[in-house]
Amino acid sequence: MIASYTELDRRINELEQNFRGHEEKIQAIFEIISQLIEPPPDPSLRQIGFKSEYE
């Protein structure tokens, strides 16, 4: 039983070493995904009228 715990501990340590330094990239991916999930603006709320070149 102890041998299986040491093997599990070794594997967890390997995973930690492999993923160390990737936190910022993973966070950036989640931020991009959250931006993509946001619904687009409602087109019916678009302003009606003409825009002048001076606006």
PDB file of N, CA and C in Angstrom:
ATOM      1  N   MET A   1       0.828  -1.190   0.000  1.00  0.00           N
ATOM      2  CA  MET A   1       0.000   0.000   0.000  1.00  0.00           C
ATOM      3  C   MET A   1       0.876   1.258   0.000  1.00  0.00           C
ATOM      4  N   ILE A   2       1.939   1.243   0.772  1.00  0.00           N
ATOM      5  CA  ILE A   2       2.839   2.393   0.845  1.00  0.00           C
ATOM      6  C   ILE A   2       3.526   2.622  -0.498  1.00  0.00           C
ATOM      7  N   ALA A   3       3.822   1.542  -1.199  1.00  0.00           N
ATOM      8  CA  ALA A   3       4.474   1.677  -2.503  1.00  0.00           C
ATOM      9  C   ALA A   3       3.565   2.408  -3.482  1.00  0.00           C
ATOM     10  N   SER A   4       2.260   2.170  -3.419  1.00  0.00           N
ATOM     11  CA  SER A   4       1.340   2.850  -4.331  1.00  0.00           C
ATOM     12  C   SER A   4       1.260   4.337  -3.996  1.00  0.00           C
ATOM     13  N   TYR A   5       1.358   4.693  -2.716  1.00  0.00           N
ATOM     14  CA  TYR A   5       1.347   6.100  -2.329  1.00  0.00           C
ATOM     15  C   TYR A   5       2.608   6.814  -2.799  1.00  0.00           C
ATOM     16  N   THR A   6       3.728   6.157  -2.693  1.00  0.00           N
ATOM     17  CA  THR A   6       4.965   6.786  -3.162  1.00  0.00           C
ATOM     18  C   THR A   6       4.943   6.959  -4.671  1.00  0.00           C
ATOM     19  N   GLU A   7       4.381   5.988  -5.379  1.00  0.00           N
ATOM     20  CA  GLU A   7       4.249   6.117  -6.839  1.00  0.00           C
ATOM     21  C   GLU A   7       3.312   7.265  -7.188  1.00  0.00           C
ATOM     22  N   LEU A   8       2.214   7.387  -6.473  1.00  0.00           N
ATOM     23  CA  LEU A   8       1.276   8.483  -6.692  1.00  0.00           C
ATOM     24  C   LEU A   8       1.937   9.822  -6.402  1.00  0.00           C
ATOM     25  N   ASP A   9       2.688   9.894  -5.329  1.00  0.00           N
ATOM     26  CA  ASP A   9       3.408  11.119  -4.983  1.00  0.00           C
ATOM     27  C   ASP A   9       4.411  11.485  -6.074  1.00  0.00           C
ATOM     28  N   ARG A  10       5.121  10.505  -6.609  1.00  0.00           N
ATOM     29  CA  ARG A  10       6.087  10.746  -7.667  1.00  0.00           C
ATOM     30  C   ARG A  10       5.390  11.285  -8.918  1.00  0.00           C
ATOM     31  N   ARG A  11       4.253  10.699  -9.267  1.00  0.00           N
ATOM     32  CA  ARG A  11       3.514  11.145 -10.457  1.00  0.00           C
ATOM     33  C   ARG A  11       2.971  12.562 -10.281  1.00  0.00           C
ATOM     34  N   ILE A  12       2.488  12.867  -9.108  1.00  0.00           N
ATOM     35  CA  ILE A  12       1.982  14.222  -8.847  1.00  0.00           C
ATOM     36  C   ILE A  12       3.121  15.229  -8.957  1.00  0.00           C
ATOM     37  N   ASN A  13       4.258  14.897  -8.428  1.00  0.00           N
ATOM     38  CA  ASN A  13       5.413  15.787  -8.526  1.00  0.00           C
ATOM     39  C   ASN A  13       5.837  15.988  -9.977  1.00  0.00           C
ATOM     40  N   GLU A  14       5.782  14.925 -10.781  1.00  0.00           N
ATOM     41  CA  GLU A  14       6.107  15.042 -12.208  1.00  0.00           C
ATOM     42  C   GLU A  14       5.132  15.986 -12.905  1.00  0.00           C
ATOM     43  N   LEU A  15       3.847  15.844 -12.594  1.00  0.00           N
ATOM     44  CA  LEU A  15       2.840  16.722 -13.197  1.00  0.00           C
ATOM     45  C   LEU A  15       3.074  18.173 -12.809  1.00  0.00           C
ATOM     46  N   GLU A  16       3.386  18.403 -11.554  1.00  0.00           N
ATOM     47  CA  GLU A  16       3.658  19.768 -11.104  1.00  0.00           C
ATOM     48  C   GLU A  16       4.848  20.358 -11.843  1.00  0.00           C
ATOM     49  N   GLN A  17       5.876  19.573 -12.060  1.00  0.00           N
ATOM     50  CA  GLN A  17       7.056  20.056 -12.774  1.00  0.00           C
ATOM     51  C   GLN A  17       6.725  20.350 -14.240  1.00  0.00           C
ATOM     52  N   ASN A  18       5.890  19.505 -14.843  1.00  0.00           N
ATOM     53  CA  ASN A  18       5.535  19.699 -16.257  1.00  0.00           C
ATOM     54  C   ASN A  18       4.675  20.935 -16.470  1.00  0.00           C
ATOM     55  N   PHE A  19       3.793  21.236 -15.534  1.00  0.00           N
ATOM     56  CA  PHE A  19       2.873  22.351 -15.707  1.00  0.00           C
ATOM     57  C   PHE A  19       3.364  23.651 -15.095  1.00  0.00           C
ATOM     58  N   ARG A  20       4.464  23.624 -14.412  1.00  0.00           N
ATOM     59  CA  ARG A  20       5.013  24.843 -13.818  1.00  0.00           C
ATOM     60  C   ARG A  20       5.405  25.799 -14.945  1.00  0.00           C
ATOM     61  N   GLY A  21       4.981  27.039 -14.853  1.00  0.00           N
ATOM     62  CA  GLY A  21       5.293  28.027 -15.876  1.00  0.00           C
ATOM     63  C   GLY A  21       4.203  28.175 -16.920  1.00  0.00           C
ATOM     64  N   HIS A  22       3.209  27.300 -16.898  1.00  0.00           N
ATOM     65  CA  HIS A  22       2.126  27.376 -17.879  1.00  0.00           C
ATOM     66  C   HIS A  22       0.893  28.089 -17.335  1.00  0.00           C
ATOM     67  N   GLU A  23       0.948  28.538 -16.085  1.00  0.00           N
ATOM     68  CA  GLU A  23      -0.221  29.141 -15.466  1.00  0.00           C
ATOM     69  C   GLU A  23      -0.683  30.383 -16.226  1.00  0.00           C
ATOM     70  N   GLU A  24       0.263  31.217 -16.654  1.00  0.00           N
ATOM     71  CA  GLU A  24      -0.103  32.446 -17.352  1.00  0.00           C
ATOM     72  C   GLU A  24      -0.753  32.136 -18.695  1.00  0.00           C
ATOM     73  N   LYS A  25      -0.240  31.133 -19.390  1.00  0.00           N
ATOM     74  CA  LYS A  25      -0.822  30.755 -20.685  1.00  0.00           C
ATOM     75  C   LYS A  25      -2.223  30.199 -20.506  1.00  0.00           C
ATOM     76  N   ILE A  26      -2.406  29.377 -19.485  1.00  0.00           N
ATOM     77  CA  ILE A  26      -3.725  28.806 -19.223  1.00  0.00           C
ATOM     78  C   ILE A  26      -4.709  29.912 -18.853  1.00  0.00           C
ATOM     79  N   GLN A  27      -4.277  30.864 -18.043  1.00  0.00           N
ATOM     80  CA  GLN A  27      -5.134  31.991 -17.665  1.00  0.00           C
ATOM     81  C   GLN A  27      -5.525  32.803 -18.892  1.00  0.00           C
ATOM     82  N   ALA A  28      -4.577  33.034 -19.802  1.00  0.00           N
ATOM     83  CA  ALA A  28      -4.873  33.781 -21.027  1.00  0.00           C
ATOM     84  C   ALA A  28      -5.887  33.038 -21.883  1.00  0.00           C
ATOM     85  N   ILE A  29      -5.775  31.726 -21.943  1.00  0.00           N
ATOM     86  CA  ILE A  29      -6.741  30.924 -22.711  1.00  0.00           C
ATOM     87  C   ILE A  29      -8.132  31.067 -22.118  1.00  0.00           C
ATOM     88  N   PHE A  30      -8.247  30.999 -20.791  1.00  0.00           N
ATOM     89  CA  PHE A  30      -9.554  31.134 -20.152  1.00  0.00           C
ATOM     90  C   PHE A  30     -10.142  32.528 -20.369  1.00  0.00           C
ATOM     91  N   GLU A  31      -9.304  33.557 -20.369  1.00  0.00           N
ATOM     92  CA  GLU A  31      -9.804  34.910 -20.624  1.00  0.00           C
ATOM     93  C   GLU A  31     -10.337  35.038 -22.049  1.00  0.00           C
ATOM     94  N   ILE A  32      -9.639  34.463 -23.008  1.00  0.00           N
ATOM     95  CA  ILE A  32     -10.093  34.510 -24.400  1.00  0.00           C
ATOM     96  C   ILE A  32     -11.392  33.743 -24.565  1.00  0.00           C
ATOM     97  N   ILE A  33     -11.485  32.590 -23.930  1.00  0.00           N
ATOM     98  CA  ILE A  33     -12.719  31.797 -24.013  1.00  0.00           C
ATOM     99  C   ILE A  33     -13.885  32.562 -23.401  1.00  0.00           C
ATOM    100  N   SER A  34     -13.666  33.228 -22.270  1.00  0.00           N
ATOM    101  CA  SER A  34     -14.755  33.978 -21.640  1.00  0.00           C
ATOM    102  C   SER A  34     -15.199  35.134 -22.529  1.00  0.00           C
ATOM    103  N   GLN A  35     -14.269  35.750 -23.255  1.00  0.00           N
ATOM    104  CA  GLN A  35     -14.646  36.811 -24.181  1.00  0.00           C
ATOM    105  C   GLN A  35     -15.465  36.256 -25.336  1.00  0.00           C
ATOM    106  N   LEU A  36     -15.131  35.056 -25.796  1.00  0.00           N
ATOM    107  CA  LEU A  36     -15.876  34.442 -26.895  1.00  0.00           C
ATOM    108  C   LEU A  36     -17.266  33.988 -26.456  1.00  0.00           C
ATOM    109  N   ILE A  37     -17.415  33.681 -25.181  1.00  0.00           N
ATOM    110  CA  ILE A  37     -18.706  33.204 -24.674  1.00  0.00           C
ATOM    111  C   ILE A  37     -19.701  34.351 -24.531  1.00  0.00           C
ATOM    112  N   GLU A  38     -19.212  35.564 -24.307  1.00  0.00           N
ATOM    113  CA  GLU A  38     -20.103  36.708 -24.132  1.00  0.00           C
ATOM    114  C   GLU A  38     -20.987  36.863 -25.366  1.00  0.00           C
ATOM    115  N   PRO A  39     -22.279  37.099 -25.153  1.00  0.00           N
ATOM    116  CA  PRO A  39     -23.168  37.248 -26.306  1.00  0.00           C
ATOM    117  C   PRO A  39     -22.853  38.535 -27.073  1.00  0.00           C
ATOM    118  N   PRO A  40     -23.056  38.507 -28.389  1.00  0.00           N
ATOM    119  CA  PRO A  40     -22.811  39.725 -29.167  1.00  0.00           C
ATOM    120  C   PRO A  40     -23.841  40.795 -28.810  1.00  0.00           C
ATOM    121  N   PRO A  41     -23.546  42.055 -29.067  1.00  0.00           N
ATOM    122  CA  PRO A  41     -24.515  43.104 -28.760  1.00  0.00           C
ATOM    123  C   PRO A  41     -25.782  42.912 -29.579  1.00  0.00           C
ATOM    124  N   ASP A  42     -26.891  43.314 -28.994  1.00  0.00           N
ATOM    125  CA  ASP A  42     -28.193  43.162 -29.646  1.00  0.00           C
ATOM    126  C   ASP A  42     -28.268  44.115 -30.838  1.00  0.00           C
ATOM    127  N   PRO A  43     -28.428  43.588 -32.057  1.00  0.00           N
ATOM    128  CA  PRO A  43     -28.454  44.467 -33.227  1.00  0.00           C
ATOM    129  C   PRO A  43     -29.670  45.388 -33.264  1.00  0.00           C
ATOM    130  N   SER A  44     -30.728  45.046 -32.540  1.00  0.00           N
ATOM    131  CA  SER A  44     -31.907  45.906 -32.551  1.00  0.00           C
ATOM    132  C   SER A  44     -31.672  47.192 -31.753  1.00  0.00           C
ATOM    133  N   LEU A  45     -30.616  47.246 -30.951  1.00  0.00           N
ATOM    134  CA  LEU A  45     -30.314  48.429 -30.163  1.00  0.00           C
ATOM    135  C   LEU A  45     -29.337  49.360 -30.872  1.00  0.00           C
ATOM    136  N   ARG A  46     -29.061  49.066 -32.123  1.00  0.00           N
ATOM    137  CA  ARG A  46     -28.146  49.886 -32.905  1.00  0.00           C
ATOM    138  C   ARG A  46     -28.746  51.261 -33.131  1.00  0.00           C
ATOM    139  N   GLN A  47     -27.912  52.288 -33.129  1.00  0.00           N
ATOM    140  CA  GLN A  47     -28.403  53.644 -33.332  1.00  0.00           C
ATOM    141  C   GLN A  47     -28.846  53.822 -34.786  1.00  0.00           C
ATOM    142  N   ILE A  48     -29.916  54.568 -34.937  1.00  0.00           N
ATOM    143  CA  ILE A  48     -30.474  54.840 -36.251  1.00  0.00           C
ATOM    144  C   ILE A  48     -30.125  56.275 -36.625  1.00  0.00           C
ATOM    145  N   GLY A  49     -29.805  56.496 -37.882  1.00  0.00           N
ATOM    146  CA  GLY A  49     -29.555  57.866 -38.321  1.00  0.00           C
ATOM    147  C   GLY A  49     -28.272  57.967 -39.102  1.00  0.00           C
ATOM    148  N   PHE A  50     -27.918  59.188 -39.377  1.00  0.00           N
ATOM    149  CA  PHE A  50     -26.721  59.468 -40.158  1.00  0.00           C
ATOM    150  C   PHE A  50     -25.615  59.921 -39.220  1.00  0.00           C
ATOM    151  N   LYS A  51     -24.415  59.599 -39.593  1.00  0.00           N
ATOM    152  CA  LYS A  51     -23.259  60.072 -38.845  1.00  0.00           C
ATOM    153  C   LYS A  51     -22.592  61.169 -39.676  1.00  0.00           C
ATOM    154  N   SER A  52     -22.278  62.244 -39.011  1.00  0.00           N
ATOM    155  CA  SER A  52     -21.581  63.297 -39.726  1.00  0.00           C
ATOM    156  C   SER A  52     -20.090  63.034 -39.647  1.00  0.00           C
ATOM    157  N   GLU A  53     -19.357  63.587 -40.547  1.00  0.00           N
ATOM    158  CA  GLU A  53     -17.917  63.388 -40.537  1.00  0.00           C
ATOM    159  C   GLU A  53     -17.241  64.136 -39.405  1.00  0.00           C
ATOM    160  N   TYR A  54     -17.981  64.989 -38.689  1.00  0.00           N
ATOM    161  CA  TYR A  54     -17.422  65.799 -37.611  1.00  0.00           C
ATOM    162  C   TYR A  54     -17.620  65.161 -36.243  1.00  0.00           C
ATOM    163  N   GLU A  55     -18.274  64.012 -36.174  1.00  0.00           N
ATOM    164  CA  GLU A  55     -18.509  63.352 -34.883  1.00  0.00           C
ATOM    165  C   GLU A  55     -17.289  62.650 -34.414  1.00  0.00           C
TER     166      GLU A  55
END
